[in-house]
PDB file of N, CA and C in Angstrom:
ATOM      1  N   MET A   1      70.470 -30.756 -10.318  1.00  0.00           N
ATOM      2  CA  MET A   1      71.056 -31.947  -9.739  1.00  0.00           C
ATOM      3  C   MET A   1      70.674 -33.144 -10.612  1.00  0.00           C
ATOM      4  N   LYS A   2      71.645 -34.014 -10.886  1.00  0.00           N
ATOM      5  CA  LYS A   2      71.411 -35.176 -11.734  1.00  0.00           C
ATOM      6  C   LYS A   2      71.523 -36.451 -10.913  1.00  0.00           C
ATOM      7  N   MET A   3      70.574 -37.377 -11.138  1.00  0.00           N
ATOM      8  CA  MET A   3      70.599 -38.664 -10.440  1.00  0.00           C
ATOM      9  C   MET A   3      71.782 -39.495 -10.923  1.00  0.00           C
ATOM     10  N   LYS A   4      72.495 -40.114  -9.964  1.00  0.00           N
ATOM     11  CA  LYS A   4      73.552 -41.066 -10.272  1.00  0.00           C
ATOM     12  C   LYS A   4      73.031 -42.445  -9.886  1.00  0.00           C
ATOM     13  N   ALA A   5      72.892 -43.332 -10.853  1.00  0.00           N
ATOM     14  CA  ALA A   5      72.422 -44.688 -10.579  1.00  0.00           C
ATOM     15  C   ALA A   5      73.289 -45.655 -11.379  1.00  0.00           C
ATOM     16  N   VAL A   6      73.691 -46.767 -10.749  1.00  0.00           N
ATOM     17  CA  VAL A   6      74.583 -47.728 -11.399  1.00  0.00           C
ATOM     18  C   VAL A   6      74.234 -49.156 -10.994  1.00  0.00           C
ATOM     19  N   GLN A   7      74.715 -50.095 -11.771  1.00  0.00           N
ATOM     20  CA  GLN A   7      74.721 -51.517 -11.406  1.00  0.00           C
ATOM     21  C   GLN A   7      76.084 -51.741 -10.757  1.00  0.00           C
ATOM     22  N   THR A   8      76.109 -52.153  -9.491  1.00  0.00           N
ATOM     23  CA  THR A   8      77.381 -52.237  -8.758  1.00  0.00           C
ATOM     24  C   THR A   8      78.381 -53.182  -9.413  1.00  0.00           C
ATOM     25  N   ALA A   9      77.921 -54.260 -10.040  1.00  0.00           N
ATOM     26  CA  ALA A   9      78.829 -55.210 -10.677  1.00  0.00           C
ATOM     27  C   ALA A   9      79.543 -54.590 -11.877  1.00  0.00           C
ATOM     28  N   ALA A  10      78.969 -53.529 -12.447  1.00  0.00           N
ATOM     29  CA  ALA A  10      79.557 -52.885 -13.621  1.00  0.00           C
ATOM     30  C   ALA A  10      80.508 -51.741 -13.269  1.00  0.00           C
ATOM     31  N   LEU A  11      80.606 -51.391 -11.981  1.00  0.00           N
ATOM     32  CA  LEU A  11      81.494 -50.303 -11.579  1.00  0.00           C
ATOM     33  C   LEU A  11      82.952 -50.669 -11.843  1.00  0.00           C
ATOM     34  N   LYS A  12      83.735 -49.682 -12.244  1.00  0.00           N
ATOM     35  CA  LYS A  12      85.166 -49.874 -12.400  1.00  0.00           C
ATOM     36  C   LYS A  12      85.751 -50.124 -11.011  1.00  0.00           C
ATOM     37  N   GLY A  13      86.660 -51.071 -10.917  1.00  0.00           N
ATOM     38  CA  GLY A  13      87.209 -51.415  -9.614  1.00  0.00           C
ATOM     39  C   GLY A  13      88.718 -51.495  -9.609  1.00  0.00           C
ATOM     40  N   PHE A  14      89.242 -51.888  -8.471  1.00  0.00           N
ATOM     41  CA  PHE A  14      90.680 -52.113  -8.304  1.00  0.00           C
ATOM     42  C   PHE A  14      90.855 -53.271  -7.331  1.00  0.00           C
ATOM     43  N   SER A  15      92.041 -53.860  -7.353  1.00  0.00           N
ATOM     44  CA  SER A  15      92.318 -55.016  -6.506  1.00  0.00           C
ATOM     45  C   SER A  15      93.222 -54.649  -5.352  1.00  0.00           C
ATOM     46  N   MET A  16      92.927 -55.273  -4.217  1.00  0.00           N
ATOM     47  CA  MET A  16      93.817 -55.241  -3.056  1.00  0.00           C
ATOM     48  C   MET A  16      94.053 -56.706  -2.732  1.00  0.00           C
ATOM     49  N   GLY A  17      95.150 -57.247  -3.255  1.00  0.00           N
ATOM     50  CA  GLY A  17      95.384 -58.678  -3.137  1.00  0.00           C
ATOM     51  C   GLY A  17      94.315 -59.414  -3.910  1.00  0.00           C
ATOM     52  N   GLU A  18      93.650 -60.363  -3.274  1.00  0.00           N
ATOM     53  CA  GLU A  18      92.594 -61.156  -3.919  1.00  0.00           C
ATOM     54  C   GLU A  18      91.238 -60.455  -3.911  1.00  0.00           C
ATOM     55  N   ILE A  19      91.151 -59.341  -3.217  1.00  0.00           N
ATOM     56  CA  ILE A  19      89.875 -58.647  -3.017  1.00  0.00           C
ATOM     57  C   ILE A  19      89.685 -57.574  -4.085  1.00  0.00           C
ATOM     58  N   THR A  20      88.480 -57.530  -4.688  1.00  0.00           N
ATOM     59  CA  THR A  20      88.148 -56.497  -5.666  1.00  0.00           C
ATOM     60  C   THR A  20      87.200 -55.498  -5.018  1.00  0.00           C
ATOM     61  N   LEU A  21      87.525 -54.217  -5.169  1.00  0.00           N
ATOM     62  CA  LEU A  21      86.719 -53.130  -4.605  1.00  0.00           C
ATOM     63  C   LEU A  21      86.189 -52.270  -5.745  1.00  0.00           C
ATOM     64  N   ARG A  22      84.886 -51.987  -5.715  1.00  0.00           N
ATOM     65  CA  ARG A  22      84.230 -51.192  -6.755  1.00  0.00           C
ATOM     66  C   ARG A  22      83.512 -50.009  -6.084  1.00  0.00           C
ATOM     67  N   PRO A  23      84.178 -48.840  -6.002  1.00  0.00           N
ATOM     68  CA  PRO A  23      83.586 -47.695  -5.291  1.00  0.00           C
ATOM     69  C   PRO A  23      82.567 -46.900  -6.103  1.00  0.00           C
ATOM     70  N   PHE A  24      81.634 -46.328  -5.367  1.00  0.00           N
ATOM     71  CA  PHE A  24      80.608 -45.432  -5.907  1.00  0.00           C
ATOM     72  C   PHE A  24      80.455 -44.301  -4.893  1.00  0.00           C
ATOM     73  N   ALA A  25      80.758 -43.069  -5.323  1.00  0.00           N
ATOM     74  CA  ALA A  25      80.802 -41.952  -4.370  1.00  0.00           C
ATOM     75  C   ALA A  25      79.748 -40.899  -4.652  1.00  0.00           C
ATOM     76  N   GLY A  26      79.222 -40.349  -3.563  1.00  0.00           N
ATOM     77  CA  GLY A  26      78.414 -39.145  -3.611  1.00  0.00           C
ATOM     78  C   GLY A  26      79.306 -37.989  -3.185  1.00  0.00           C
ATOM     79  N   ASP A  27      78.697 -36.939  -2.686  1.00  0.00           N
ATOM     80  CA  ASP A  27      79.479 -35.785  -2.245  1.00  0.00           C
ATOM     81  C   ASP A  27      80.185 -36.032  -0.917  1.00  0.00           C
ATOM     82  N   ASN A  28      79.508 -36.713   0.022  1.00  0.00           N
ATOM     83  CA  ASN A  28      80.043 -36.858   1.373  1.00  0.00           C
ATOM     84  C   ASN A  28      80.123 -38.290   1.880  1.00  0.00           C
ATOM     85  N   MET A  29      79.684 -39.246   1.067  1.00  0.00           N
ATOM     86  CA  MET A  29      79.732 -40.639   1.492  1.00  0.00           C
ATOM     87  C   MET A  29      80.004 -41.526   0.290  1.00  0.00           C
ATOM     88  N   MET A  30      80.348 -42.776   0.570  1.00  0.00           N
ATOM     89  CA  MET A  30      80.728 -43.701  -0.481  1.00  0.00           C
ATOM     90  C   MET A  30      80.245 -45.100  -0.139  1.00  0.00           C
ATOM     91  N   VAL A  31      79.854 -45.852  -1.174  1.00  0.00           N
ATOM     92  CA  VAL A  31      79.553 -47.276  -1.049  1.00  0.00           C
ATOM     93  C   VAL A  31      80.572 -48.013  -1.908  1.00  0.00           C
ATOM     94  N   VAL A  32      81.111 -49.097  -1.373  1.00  0.00           N
ATOM     95  CA  VAL A  32      82.079 -49.898  -2.109  1.00  0.00           C
ATOM     96  C   VAL A  32      81.575 -51.336  -2.169  1.00  0.00           C
ATOM     97  N   ARG A  33      81.415 -51.855  -3.382  1.00  0.00           N
ATOM     98  CA  ARG A  33      81.085 -53.273  -3.568  1.00  0.00           C
ATOM     99  C   ARG A  33      82.390 -54.042  -3.385  1.00  0.00           C
ATOM    100  N   VAL A  34      82.378 -55.007  -2.473  1.00  0.00           N
ATOM    101  CA  VAL A  34      83.564 -55.806  -2.168  1.00  0.00           C
ATOM    102  C   VAL A  34      83.294 -57.252  -2.582  1.00  0.00           C
ATOM    103  N   GLU A  35      84.162 -57.780  -3.453  1.00  0.00           N
ATOM    104  CA  GLU A  35      84.071 -59.164  -3.924  1.00  0.00           C
ATOM    105  C   GLU A  35      85.334 -59.875  -3.459  1.00  0.00           C
ATOM    106  N   ALA A  36      85.180 -60.941  -2.667  1.00  0.00           N
ATOM    107  CA  ALA A  36      86.346 -61.588  -2.071  1.00  0.00           C
ATOM    108  C   ALA A  36      86.176 -63.098  -2.010  1.00  0.00           C
ATOM    109  N   PRO A  37      87.200 -63.837  -2.426  1.00  0.00           N
ATOM    110  CA  PRO A  37      87.117 -65.300  -2.363  1.00  0.00           C
ATOM    111  C   PRO A  37      87.383 -65.825  -0.959  1.00  0.00           C
ATOM    112  N   LYS A  38      86.918 -67.035  -0.712  1.00  0.00           N
ATOM    113  CA  LYS A  38      87.195 -67.723   0.550  1.00  0.00           C
ATOM    114  C   LYS A  38      88.702 -67.699   0.814  1.00  0.00           C
ATOM    115  N   GLY A  39      89.064 -67.377   2.052  1.00  0.00           N
ATOM    116  CA  GLY A  39      90.463 -67.342   2.446  1.00  0.00           C
ATOM    117  C   GLY A  39      91.132 -65.990   2.306  1.00  0.00           C
ATOM    118  N   ALA A  40      90.521 -65.066   1.564  1.00  0.00           N
ATOM    119  CA  ALA A  40      91.106 -63.729   1.423  1.00  0.00           C
ATOM    120  C   ALA A  40      91.039 -63.002   2.764  1.00  0.00           C
ATOM    121  N   VAL A  41      92.022 -62.146   3.001  1.00  0.00           N
ATOM    122  CA  VAL A  41      92.092 -61.395   4.251  1.00  0.00           C
ATOM    123  C   VAL A  41      92.346 -59.921   3.954  1.00  0.00           C
ATOM    124  N   ALA A  42      91.579 -59.063   4.602  1.00  0.00           N
ATOM    125  CA  ALA A  42      91.887 -57.635   4.657  1.00  0.00           C
ATOM    126  C   ALA A  42      92.622 -57.464   5.983  1.00  0.00           C
ATOM    127  N   PRO A  43      93.968 -57.346   5.936  1.00  0.00           N
ATOM    128  CA  PRO A  43      94.741 -57.329   7.172  1.00  0.00           C
ATOM    129  C   PRO A  43      94.414 -56.123   8.055  1.00  0.00           C
ATOM    130  N   GLY A  44      94.799 -56.230   9.321  1.00  0.00           N
ATOM    131  CA  GLY A  44      94.520 -55.179  10.290  1.00  0.00           C
ATOM    132  C   GLY A  44      94.932 -53.805   9.796  1.00  0.00           C
ATOM    133  N   HIS A  45      94.040 -52.847   9.945  1.00  0.00           N
ATOM    134  CA  HIS A  45      94.298 -51.471   9.531  1.00  0.00           C
ATOM    135  C   HIS A  45      93.303 -50.546  10.225  1.00  0.00           C
ATOM    136  N   ALA A  46      93.534 -49.261  10.110  1.00  0.00           N
ATOM    137  CA  ALA A  46      92.624 -48.243  10.644  1.00  0.00           C
ATOM    138  C   ALA A  46      92.621 -47.071   9.665  1.00  0.00           C
ATOM    139  N   HIS A  47      91.559 -46.291   9.679  1.00  0.00           N
ATOM    140  CA  HIS A  47      91.457 -45.112   8.820  1.00  0.00           C
ATOM    141  C   HIS A  47      90.525 -44.105   9.492  1.00  0.00           C
ATOM    142  N   PRO A  48      90.592 -42.846   9.057  1.00  0.00           N
ATOM    143  CA  PRO A  48      89.759 -41.818   9.691  1.00  0.00           C
ATOM    144  C   PRO A  48      88.284 -41.900   9.320  1.00  0.00           C
ATOM    145  N   HIS A  49      87.936 -42.740   8.345  1.00  0.00           N
ATOM    146  CA  HIS A  49      86.563 -42.840   7.870  1.00  0.00           C
ATOM    147  C   HIS A  49      85.731 -43.736   8.780  1.00  0.00           C
ATOM    148  N   GLU A  50      84.499 -43.322   9.045  1.00  0.00           N
ATOM    149  CA  GLU A  50      83.542 -44.198   9.712  1.00  0.00           C
ATOM    150  C   GLU A  50      83.055 -45.191   8.661  1.00  0.00           C
ATOM    151  N   GLN A  51      82.827 -46.443   9.055  1.00  0.00           N
ATOM    152  CA  GLN A  51      82.478 -47.491   8.086  1.00  0.00           C
ATOM    153  C   GLN A  51      81.354 -48.371   8.623  1.00  0.00           C
ATOM    154  N   ILE A  52      80.451 -48.752   7.730  1.00  0.00           N
ATOM    155  CA  ILE A  52      79.459 -49.790   8.008  1.00  0.00           C
ATOM    156  C   ILE A  52      79.588 -50.806   6.889  1.00  0.00           C
ATOM    157  N   SER A  53      79.642 -52.083   7.238  1.00  0.00           N
ATOM    158  CA  SER A  53      79.711 -53.152   6.242  1.00  0.00           C
ATOM    159  C   SER A  53      78.449 -53.994   6.334  1.00  0.00           C
ATOM    160  N   MET A  54      77.886 -54.336   5.152  1.00  0.00           N
ATOM    161  CA  MET A  54      76.691 -55.173   5.081  1.00  0.00           C
ATOM    162  C   MET A  54      76.996 -56.374   4.203  1.00  0.00           C
ATOM    163  N   ILE A  55      76.844 -57.559   4.767  1.00  0.00           N
ATOM    164  CA  ILE A  55      77.111 -58.789   4.033  1.00  0.00           C
ATOM    165  C   ILE A  55      75.917 -59.095   3.123  1.00  0.00           C
ATOM    166  N   ILE A  56      76.199 -59.325   1.844  1.00  0.00           N
ATOM    167  CA  ILE A  56      75.177 -59.711   0.877  1.00  0.00           C
ATOM    168  C   ILE A  56      75.150 -61.230   0.758  1.00  0.00           C
ATOM    169  N   SER A  57      76.345 -61.835   0.615  1.00  0.00           N
ATOM    170  CA  SER A  57      76.432 -63.298   0.540  1.00  0.00           C
ATOM    171  C   SER A  57      77.778 -63.740   1.107  1.00  0.00           C
ATOM    172  N   GLY A  58      77.810 -64.978   1.576  1.00  0.00           N
ATOM    173  CA  GLY A  58      79.034 -65.521   2.155  1.00  0.00           C
ATOM    174  C   GLY A  58      79.096 -65.311   3.652  1.00  0.00           C
ATOM    175  N   SER A  59      80.276 -65.532   4.191  1.00  0.00           N
ATOM    176  CA  SER A  59      80.513 -65.451   5.628  1.00  0.00           C
ATOM    177  C   SER A  59      81.859 -64.769   5.856  1.00  0.00           C
ATOM    178  N   VAL A  60      81.875 -63.769   6.738  1.00  0.00           N
ATOM    179  CA  VAL A  60      83.078 -62.976   6.976  1.00  0.00           C
ATOM    180  C   VAL A  60      83.318 -62.848   8.476  1.00  0.00           C
ATOM    181  N   ARG A  61      84.550 -63.131   8.894  1.00  0.00           N
ATOM    182  CA  ARG A  61      84.936 -62.921  10.290  1.00  0.00           C
ATOM    183  C   ARG A  61      85.543 -61.519  10.386  1.00  0.00           C
ATOM    184  N   PHE A  62      84.901 -60.650  11.169  1.00  0.00           N
ATOM    185  CA  PHE A  62      85.411 -59.307  11.407  1.00  0.00           C
ATOM    186  C   PHE A  62      86.053 -59.254  12.780  1.00  0.00           C
ATOM    187  N   ARG A  63      87.166 -58.551  12.869  1.00  0.00           N
ATOM    188  CA  ARG A  63      87.768 -58.226  14.155  1.00  0.00           C
ATOM    189  C   ARG A  63      87.867 -56.718  14.226  1.00  0.00           C
ATOM    190  N   ILE A  64      87.313 -56.158  15.304  1.00  0.00           N
ATOM    191  CA  ILE A  64      87.432 -54.728  15.583  1.00  0.00           C
ATOM    192  C   ILE A  64      88.031 -54.622  16.974  1.00  0.00           C
ATOM    193  N   GLY A  65      89.250 -54.080  17.065  1.00  0.00           N
ATOM    194  CA  GLY A  65      89.958 -54.070  18.338  1.00  0.00           C
ATOM    195  C   GLY A  65      90.173 -55.500  18.788  1.00  0.00           C
ATOM    196  N   ASN A  66      89.686 -55.857  19.970  1.00  0.00           N
ATOM    197  CA  ASN A  66      89.826 -57.213  20.513  1.00  0.00           C
ATOM    198  C   ASN A  66      88.572 -58.063  20.332  1.00  0.00           C
ATOM    199  N   GLU A  67      87.537 -57.513  19.682  1.00  0.00           N
ATOM    200  CA  GLU A  67      86.283 -58.242  19.498  1.00  0.00           C
ATOM    201  C   GLU A  67      86.228 -58.888  18.123  1.00  0.00           C
ATOM    202  N   GLU A  68      85.710 -60.117  18.064  1.00  0.00           N
ATOM    203  CA  GLU A  68      85.524 -60.826  16.798  1.00  0.00           C
ATOM    204  C   GLU A  68      84.081 -61.271  16.667  1.00  0.00           C
ATOM    205  N   ARG A  69      83.620 -61.302  15.396  1.00  0.00           N
ATOM    206  CA  ARG A  69      82.269 -61.794  15.143  1.00  0.00           C
ATOM    207  C   ARG A  69      82.204 -62.281  13.707  1.00  0.00           C
ATOM    208  N   VAL A  70      81.520 -63.396  13.498  1.00  0.00           N
ATOM    209  CA  VAL A  70      81.276 -63.913  12.154  1.00  0.00           C
ATOM    210  C   VAL A  70      79.917 -63.405  11.705  1.00  0.00           C
ATOM    211  N   LEU A  71      79.890 -62.779  10.515  1.00  0.00           N
ATOM    212  CA  LEU A  71      78.655 -62.222   9.972  1.00  0.00           C
ATOM    213  C   LEU A  71      78.293 -62.908   8.664  1.00  0.00           C
ATOM    214  N   GLY A  72      76.991 -63.023   8.414  1.00  0.00           N
ATOM    215  CA  GLY A  72      76.483 -63.624   7.193  1.00  0.00           C
ATOM    216  C   GLY A  72      75.492 -62.704   6.512  1.00  0.00           C
ATOM    217  N   PRO A  73      74.814 -63.212   5.484  1.00  0.00           N
ATOM    218  CA  PRO A  73      73.902 -62.392   4.681  1.00  0.00           C
ATOM    219  C   PRO A  73      72.884 -61.607   5.516  1.00  0.00           C
ATOM    220  N   GLY A  74      72.781 -60.322   5.168  1.00  0.00           N
ATOM    221  CA  GLY A  74      71.830 -59.436   5.831  1.00  0.00           C
ATOM    222  C   GLY A  74      72.346 -58.796   7.103  1.00  0.00           C
ATOM    223  N   GLU A  75      73.526 -59.200   7.565  1.00  0.00           N
ATOM    224  CA  GLU A  75      74.061 -58.627   8.801  1.00  0.00           C
ATOM    225  C   GLU A  75      74.960 -57.426   8.516  1.00  0.00           C
ATOM    226  N   LEU A  76      74.984 -56.516   9.483  1.00  0.00           N
ATOM    227  CA  LEU A  76      75.753 -55.273   9.404  1.00  0.00           C
ATOM    228  C   LEU A  76      76.738 -55.184  10.555  1.00  0.00           C
ATOM    229  N   VAL A  77      77.842 -54.471  10.325  1.00  0.00           N
ATOM    230  CA  VAL A  77      78.775 -54.158  11.402  1.00  0.00           C
ATOM    231  C   VAL A  77      79.196 -52.695  11.244  1.00  0.00           C
ATOM    232  N   HIS A  78      79.308 -51.988  12.368  1.00  0.00           N
ATOM    233  CA  HIS A  78      79.778 -50.601  12.384  1.00  0.00           C
ATOM    234  C   HIS A  78      81.233 -50.589  12.830  1.00  0.00           C
ATOM    235  N   ILE A  79      82.075 -49.881  12.081  1.00  0.00           N
ATOM    236  CA  ILE A  79      83.491 -49.743  12.425  1.00  0.00           C
ATOM    237  C   ILE A  79      83.754 -48.258  12.648  1.00  0.00           C
ATOM    238  N   PRO A  80      83.988 -47.862  13.902  1.00  0.00           N
ATOM    239  CA  PRO A  80      84.212 -46.444  14.187  1.00  0.00           C
ATOM    240  C   PRO A  80      85.486 -45.909  13.534  1.00  0.00           C
ATOM    241  N   SER A  81      85.519 -44.618  13.346  1.00  0.00           N
ATOM    242  CA  SER A  81      86.711 -43.941  12.846  1.00  0.00           C
ATOM    243  C   SER A  81      87.916 -44.301  13.713  1.00  0.00           C
ATOM    244  N   GLN A  82      89.042 -44.581  13.078  1.00  0.00           N
ATOM    245  CA  GLN A  82      90.333 -44.891  13.718  1.00  0.00           C
ATOM    246  C   GLN A  82      90.373 -46.237  14.447  1.00  0.00           C
ATOM    247  N   ALA A  83      89.312 -47.041  14.375  1.00  0.00           N
ATOM    248  CA  ALA A  83      89.314 -48.351  15.038  1.00  0.00           C
ATOM    249  C   ALA A  83      90.124 -49.342  14.202  1.00  0.00           C
ATOM    250  N   GLU A  84      91.054 -50.039  14.826  1.00  0.00           N
ATOM    251  CA  GLU A  84      91.857 -51.045  14.130  1.00  0.00           C
ATOM    252  C   GLU A  84      90.963 -52.251  13.877  1.00  0.00           C
ATOM    253  N   HIS A  85      90.939 -52.727  12.617  1.00  0.00           N
ATOM    254  CA  HIS A  85      90.040 -53.820  12.251  1.00  0.00           C
ATOM    255  C   HIS A  85      90.615 -54.651  11.114  1.00  0.00           C
ATOM    256  N   GLU A  86      90.059 -55.873  10.957  1.00  0.00           N
ATOM    257  CA  GLU A  86      90.430 -56.750   9.853  1.00  0.00           C
ATOM    258  C   GLU A  86      89.242 -57.626   9.506  1.00  0.00           C
ATOM    259  N   ALA A  87      89.332 -58.273   8.324  1.00  0.00           N
ATOM    260  CA  ALA A  87      88.264 -59.166   7.886  1.00  0.00           C
ATOM    261  C   ALA A  87      88.877 -60.382   7.209  1.00  0.00           C
ATOM    262  N   GLU A  88      88.305 -61.560   7.494  1.00  0.00           N
ATOM    263  CA  GLU A  88      88.725 -62.805   6.859  1.00  0.00           C
ATOM    264  C   GLU A  88      87.499 -63.459   6.241  1.00  0.00           C
ATOM    265  N   MET A  89      87.604 -63.817   4.964  1.00  0.00           N
ATOM    266  CA  MET A  89      86.489 -64.437   4.266  1.00  0.00           C
ATOM    267  C   MET A  89      86.465 -65.933   4.583  1.00  0.00           C
ATOM    268  N   LEU A  90      85.410 -66.380   5.245  1.00  0.00           N
ATOM    269  CA  LEU A  90      85.256 -67.790   5.586  1.00  0.00           C
ATOM    270  C   LEU A  90      84.608 -68.556   4.433  1.00  0.00           C
ATOM    271  N   GLU A  91      83.967 -67.828   3.528  1.00  0.00           N
ATOM    272  CA  GLU A  91      83.373 -68.344   2.290  1.00  0.00           C
ATOM    273  C   GLU A  91      83.572 -67.251   1.243  1.00  0.00           C
ATOM    274  N   ASP A  92      83.366 -67.592  -0.030  1.00  0.00           N
ATOM    275  CA  ASP A  92      83.319 -66.533  -1.039  1.00  0.00           C
ATOM    276  C   ASP A  92      82.314 -65.504  -0.539  1.00  0.00           C
ATOM    277  N   ALA A  93      82.674 -64.221  -0.629  1.00  0.00           N
ATOM    278  CA  ALA A  93      81.818 -63.198  -0.022  1.00  0.00           C
ATOM    279  C   ALA A  93      81.587 -62.017  -0.960  1.00  0.00           C
ATOM    280  N   LEU A  94      80.400 -61.459  -0.842  1.00  0.00           N
ATOM    281  CA  LEU A  94      80.037 -60.211  -1.497  1.00  0.00           C
ATOM    282  C   LEU A  94      79.433 -59.343  -0.400  1.00  0.00           C
ATOM    283  N   PHE A  95      79.982 -58.139  -0.241  1.00  0.00           N
ATOM    284  CA  PHE A  95      79.414 -57.223   0.749  1.00  0.00           C
ATOM    285  C   PHE A  95      79.610 -55.791   0.318  1.00  0.00           C
ATOM    286  N   LEU A  96      78.913 -54.901   1.001  1.00  0.00           N
ATOM    287  CA  LEU A  96      79.007 -53.468   0.749  1.00  0.00           C
ATOM    288  C   LEU A  96      79.665 -52.798   1.943  1.00  0.00           C
ATOM    289  N   ASP A  97      80.659 -51.972   1.665  1.00  0.00           N
ATOM    290  CA  ASP A  97      81.258 -51.115   2.681  1.00  0.00           C
ATOM    291  C   ASP A  97      80.763 -49.700   2.426  1.00  0.00           C
ATOM    292  N   ILE A  98      80.222 -49.061   3.449  1.00  0.00           N
ATOM    293  CA  ILE A  98      79.756 -47.680   3.352  1.00  0.00           C
ATOM    294  C   ILE A  98      80.715 -46.831   4.169  1.00  0.00           C
ATOM    295  N   PHE A  99      81.248 -45.779   3.550  1.00  0.00           N
ATOM    296  CA  PHE A  99      82.215 -44.910   4.219  1.00  0.00           C
ATOM    297  C   PHE A  99      81.721 -43.479   4.258  1.00  0.00           C
ATOM    298  N   GLN A 100      82.060 -42.800   5.349  1.00  0.00           N
ATOM    299  CA  GLN A 100      81.834 -41.365   5.466  1.00  0.00           C
ATOM    300  C   GLN A 100      83.029 -40.790   6.204  1.00  0.00           C
ATOM    301  N   PRO A 101      83.750 -39.821   5.674  1.00  0.00           N
ATOM    302  CA  PRO A 101      83.562 -39.209   4.361  1.00  0.00           C
ATOM    303  C   PRO A 101      84.060 -40.128   3.237  1.00  0.00           C
ATOM    304  N   VAL A 102      84.011 -39.620   2.016  1.00  0.00           N
ATOM    305  CA  VAL A 102      84.456 -40.360   0.835  1.00  0.00           C
ATOM    306  C   VAL A 102      85.928 -40.740   0.976  1.00  0.00           C
ATOM    307  N   ARG A 103      86.268 -41.956   0.581  1.00  0.00           N
ATOM    308  CA  ARG A 103      87.665 -42.417   0.559  1.00  0.00           C
ATOM    309  C   ARG A 103      88.299 -41.979  -0.752  1.00  0.00           C
ATOM    310  N   GLU A 104      88.922 -40.811  -0.716  1.00  0.00           N
ATOM    311  CA  GLU A 104      89.583 -40.272  -1.904  1.00  0.00           C
ATOM    312  C   GLU A 104      90.681 -41.204  -2.391  1.00  0.00           C
ATOM    313  N   ASP A 105      91.323 -41.952  -1.455  1.00  0.00           N
ATOM    314  CA  ASP A 105      92.379 -42.896  -1.856  1.00  0.00           C
ATOM    315  C   ASP A 105      91.804 -43.988  -2.758  1.00  0.00           C
ATOM    316  N   PHE A 106      90.585 -44.431  -2.508  1.00  0.00           N
ATOM    317  CA  PHE A 106      89.952 -45.456  -3.352  1.00  0.00           C
ATOM    318  C   PHE A 106      89.656 -44.891  -4.745  1.00  0.00           C
ATOM    319  N   LEU A 107      89.188 -43.646  -4.810  1.00  0.00           N
ATOM    320  CA  LEU A 107      88.906 -43.041  -6.112  1.00  0.00           C
ATOM    321  C   LEU A 107      90.178 -42.902  -6.932  1.00  0.00           C
ATOM    322  N   ARG A 108      91.291 -42.552  -6.286  1.00  0.00           N
ATOM    323  CA  ARG A 108      92.580 -42.462  -6.996  1.00  0.00           C
ATOM    324  C   ARG A 108      93.006 -43.832  -7.526  1.00  0.00           C
ATOM    325  N   LYS A 109      92.822 -44.881  -6.718  1.00  0.00           N
ATOM    326  CA  LYS A 109      93.217 -46.222  -7.148  1.00  0.00           C
ATOM    327  C   LYS A 109      92.411 -46.700  -8.346  1.00  0.00           C
ATOM    328  N   VAL A 110      91.131 -46.363  -8.396  1.00  0.00           N
ATOM    329  CA  VAL A 110      90.305 -46.732  -9.555  1.00  0.00           C
ATOM    330  C   VAL A 110      90.860 -46.061 -10.808  1.00  0.00           C
ATOM    331  N   GLU A 111      91.249 -44.809 -10.703  1.00  0.00           N
ATOM    332  CA  GLU A 111      91.780 -44.086 -11.855  1.00  0.00           C
ATOM    333  C   GLU A 111      93.123 -44.640 -12.313  1.00  0.00           C
ATOM    334  N   GLU A 112      93.898 -45.213 -11.391  1.00  0.00           N
ATOM    335  CA  GLU A 112      95.212 -45.776 -11.727  1.00  0.00           C
ATOM    336  C   GLU A 112      95.099 -47.098 -12.452  1.00  0.00           C
ATOM    337  N   GLU A 113      94.003 -47.842 -12.254  1.00  0.00           N
ATOM    338  CA  GLU A 113      93.855 -49.186 -12.850  1.00  0.00           C
ATOM    339  C   GLU A 113      93.610 -49.095 -14.345  1.00  0.00           C
TER     340      GLU A 113
END
């Protein structure tokens, strides 16, 4: 077994609108570095992956179902599988999204860029 270690800022990424996503995958889980400017929005969506997001810097308004919460540095949010959710950047933001299982769609998008 070989150790995989990276600097997240150096990961190859892809864009979804104004948002840049830089995935890093293991066998069964994935971490994605998310870089987003103030005003960017990840519109409402759902996916089969369980997700935890951790804010590194900035301020992000998350909506999961009918609940909303503004999160800042050091805060985490859990997004259950199939839960409809969205995020709005209230400030320039850097955060990590952790997914289980791996988002194969994200890995394909990195290869397409």
